[in-house]
Amino acid sequence: MSDANVAVADGMVVSLDYTLRLDDGQVIDSTDEHDSLEFLQGVGQIIPGLERELYGMTVGDEKEVTIAPEDGYGAKNPNAVQSVPKNIFPDDMELTPGMGLQLRDEQDNVFTAYVVNIETDAVVLDLNHPLAGQNLNFDVKVVGLRPASQEEIDHGHVHGAGHSH
């Protein structure tokens, strides 16, 4: 089987170069800044809308894709903005708007909340993903494809050399 005919399908390890922009043109993320994204197709390692658009692409293929919020990070939930007492944070912790905090709920699930505002005795947190409610405009290019190993399929993620994520 020559590489030329290999296309993105479930169980393939995809190496992807991409640039992500919002509707206002702001670049949120780009592989110009870091190595190609490598992931196992078909197991939900990337947002569903993008995963769906990649099926059938071959190495060297480029595509522009716009992902609506419901296929990306979801709609913004207005109820997910909460004010919490400032004294639950350590005194020496420097809180700045926009910073992400790893928090745990009563069920011990870890989630990220983003600081919206710091008030005198309270901190306003947004539990929405920062990209919730946004259209995600991707320029993507498939730069590598290979069948996943059985171990990768069993584990549901890529085992590559020199991965720093």
Protein backbone atom coordinates (compact mmCIF):
# COMPACT_ATOMS: atom_id res chain seq x y z
CA MET A 1 0.00 0.00 0.00
CA SER A 2 1.64 3.25 -1.06
CA ASP A 3 1.40 6.25 1.24
CA ALA A 4 -0.21 8.25 -1.52
CA ASN A 5 -3.48 6.37 -1.07
CA VAL A 6 -3.60 6.50 2.71
CA ALA A 7 -6.45 8.68 3.93
CA VAL A 8 -7.54 9.86 7.35
CA ALA A 9 -9.73 7.17 8.92
CA ASP A 10 -10.46 5.77 12.37
CA GLY A 11 -7.40 4.09 13.80
CA MET A 12 -4.96 6.30 11.90
CA VAL A 13 -2.39 8.50 13.60
CA VAL A 14 -2.69 11.92 12.00
CA SER A 15 -0.03 14.63 12.08
CA LEU A 16 -1.70 17.96 11.49
CA ASP A 17 -0.43 21.46 10.94
CA TYR A 18 -3.07 24.05 11.70
CA THR A 19 -3.83 27.65 12.47
CA LEU A 20 -6.91 28.47 14.53
CA ARG A 21 -8.51 31.90 14.15
CA LEU A 22 -11.61 33.47 15.61
CA ASP A 23 -14.08 35.33 13.40
CA ASP A 24 -12.27 38.61 14.16
CA GLY A 25 -9.07 37.17 12.67
CA GLN A 26 -7.30 36.73 16.01
CA VAL A 27 -4.95 33.74 15.89
CA ILE A 28 -5.58 31.56 18.95
CA ASP A 29 -3.22 28.71 18.22
CA SER A 30 -0.93 27.63 15.43
CA THR A 31 1.56 24.89 14.75
CA ASP A 32 3.88 27.66 13.56
CA GLU A 33 4.52 28.06 17.29
CA HIS A 34 5.02 24.37 18.09
CA ASP A 35 5.28 20.92 16.54
CA SER A 36 2.53 19.41 14.44
CA LEU A 37 -0.42 18.05 16.38
CA GLU A 38 -0.37 14.27 16.42
CA PHE A 39 -3.47 12.39 17.48
CA LEU A 40 -5.41 9.18 17.03
CA GLN A 41 -8.38 9.70 14.70
CA GLY A 42 -11.81 8.51 15.76
CA VAL A 43 -11.49 8.52 19.55
CA GLY A 44 -12.44 12.11 20.31
CA GLN A 45 -8.97 13.45 21.09
CA ILE A 46 -9.75 16.62 19.15
CA ILE A 47 -12.99 18.60 18.92
CA PRO A 48 -15.71 16.60 17.12
CA GLY A 49 -16.32 19.06 14.29
CA LEU A 50 -12.67 19.09 13.28
CA GLU A 51 -12.31 15.33 13.57
CA ARG A 52 -15.31 14.86 11.25
CA GLU A 53 -13.87 17.21 8.62
CA LEU A 54 -10.56 15.34 8.38
CA TYR A 55 -11.94 12.01 7.17
CA GLY A 56 -10.69 11.17 3.69
CA MET A 57 -7.88 13.75 3.62
CA THR A 58 -4.48 12.51 2.49
CA VAL A 59 -0.95 13.70 3.23
CA GLY A 60 -0.40 17.15 1.74
CA ASP A 61 -4.12 17.98 1.62
CA GLU A 62 -5.07 21.41 2.96
CA LYS A 63 -8.49 22.63 3.94
CA GLU A 64 -10.22 25.57 5.56
CA VAL A 65 -12.82 24.55 8.08
CA THR A 66 -15.22 26.59 10.20
CA ILE A 67 -16.47 24.75 13.26
CA ALA A 68 -19.64 26.03 14.95
CA PRO A 69 -19.65 26.20 18.77
CA GLU A 70 -21.82 23.08 19.14
CA ASP A 71 -19.14 21.04 17.32
CA GLY A 72 -16.32 22.78 19.16
CA TYR A 73 -16.27 23.89 22.77
CA GLY A 74 -20.02 24.31 23.13
CA ALA A 75 -22.21 27.34 23.58
CA LYS A 76 -21.41 29.74 26.38
CA ASN A 77 -23.39 28.90 29.48
CA PRO A 78 -24.31 32.13 31.30
CA ASN A 79 -24.90 30.15 34.51
CA ALA A 80 -21.29 29.02 34.48
CA VAL A 81 -20.07 32.41 35.70
CA GLN A 82 -19.83 32.32 39.47
CA SER A 83 -18.56 34.49 42.26
CA VAL A 84 -16.60 32.70 44.98
CA PRO A 85 -15.18 34.03 48.26
CA LYS A 86 -11.67 35.32 47.81
CA ASN A 87 -10.55 33.64 51.03
CA ILE A 88 -10.77 30.16 49.47
CA PHE A 89 -7.57 31.01 47.57
CA PRO A 90 -4.15 31.06 49.26
CA ASP A 91 -3.10 34.57 50.29
CA ASP A 92 0.11 34.39 48.28
CA MET A 93 -1.66 33.34 45.09
CA GLU A 94 -1.56 36.01 42.43
CA LEU A 95 -4.90 36.04 40.65
CA THR A 96 -5.09 37.78 37.29
CA PRO A 97 -8.02 38.09 34.88
CA GLY A 98 -7.91 35.43 32.19
CA MET A 99 -5.81 32.98 34.14
CA GLY A 100 -7.02 29.38 34.30
CA LEU A 101 -7.35 27.60 37.64
CA GLN A 102 -7.60 23.86 38.13
CA LEU A 103 -10.41 23.23 40.60
CA ARG A 104 -12.12 20.12 41.98
CA ASP A 105 -15.81 19.65 42.59
CA GLU A 106 -17.45 17.58 45.32
CA GLN A 107 -17.21 14.47 43.12
CA ASP A 108 -13.44 15.03 42.82
CA ASN A 109 -13.67 15.87 39.11
CA VAL A 110 -10.97 18.30 38.02
CA PHE A 111 -12.08 21.19 35.83
CA THR A 112 -10.69 24.52 34.73
CA ALA A 113 -12.20 27.84 35.66
CA TYR A 114 -11.03 31.17 34.29
CA VAL A 115 -10.73 34.31 36.39
CA VAL A 116 -13.01 37.03 35.03
CA ASN A 117 -12.66 39.64 37.74
CA ILE A 118 -11.11 40.11 41.17
CA GLU A 119 -13.27 42.03 43.65
CA THR A 120 -12.51 43.11 47.20
CA ASP A 121 -13.62 39.90 48.84
CA ALA A 122 -14.71 37.74 45.93
CA VAL A 123 -13.36 36.30 42.70
CA VAL A 124 -15.59 35.96 39.64
CA LEU A 125 -14.90 32.72 37.80
CA ASP A 126 -16.09 31.57 34.38
CA LEU A 127 -16.39 27.80 34.03
CA ASN A 128 -16.91 28.07 30.29
CA HIS A 129 -14.00 27.14 28.06
CA PRO A 130 -12.51 30.43 26.76
CA LEU A 131 -13.49 29.39 23.23
CA ALA A 132 -17.07 28.43 24.13
CA GLY A 133 -19.58 30.20 21.93
CA GLN A 134 -16.96 31.01 19.29
CA ASN A 135 -16.76 29.89 15.69
CA LEU A 136 -13.41 28.18 15.22
CA ASN A 137 -11.78 28.82 11.86
CA PHE A 138 -9.10 26.27 11.12
CA ASP A 139 -6.60 26.15 8.28
CA VAL A 140 -5.44 22.55 8.37
CA LYS A 141 -2.84 20.55 6.48
CA VAL A 142 -2.28 16.83 6.90
CA VAL A 143 1.49 16.38 7.16
CA GLY A 144 1.67 12.75 8.21
CA LEU A 145 -0.46 9.61 8.42
CA ARG A 146 0.25 6.14 9.69
CA PRO A 147 -1.79 3.24 11.00
CA ALA A 148 -1.91 3.25 14.80
CA SER A 149 -0.25 0.35 16.60
CA GLN A 150 -2.48 -2.07 18.47
CA GLU A 151 -1.14 -0.63 21.73
CA GLU A 152 -2.09 2.91 20.67
CA ILE A 153 -5.58 1.74 19.73
CA ASP A 154 -5.94 -0.12 23.05
CA HIS A 155 -4.82 2.96 24.99
CA GLY A 156 -6.76 5.44 22.85
CA HIS A 157 -3.83 7.79 22.26
CA VAL A 158 -0.57 8.15 20.36
CA HIS A 159 2.71 6.80 21.71
CA GLY A 160 5.31 8.82 19.87
CA ALA A 161 8.96 9.43 20.48
CA GLY A 162 9.79 12.74 22.07
CA HIS A 163 6.29 13.90 22.91
CA SER A 164 6.22 16.84 25.24
CA HIS A 165 2.45 17.38 25.57
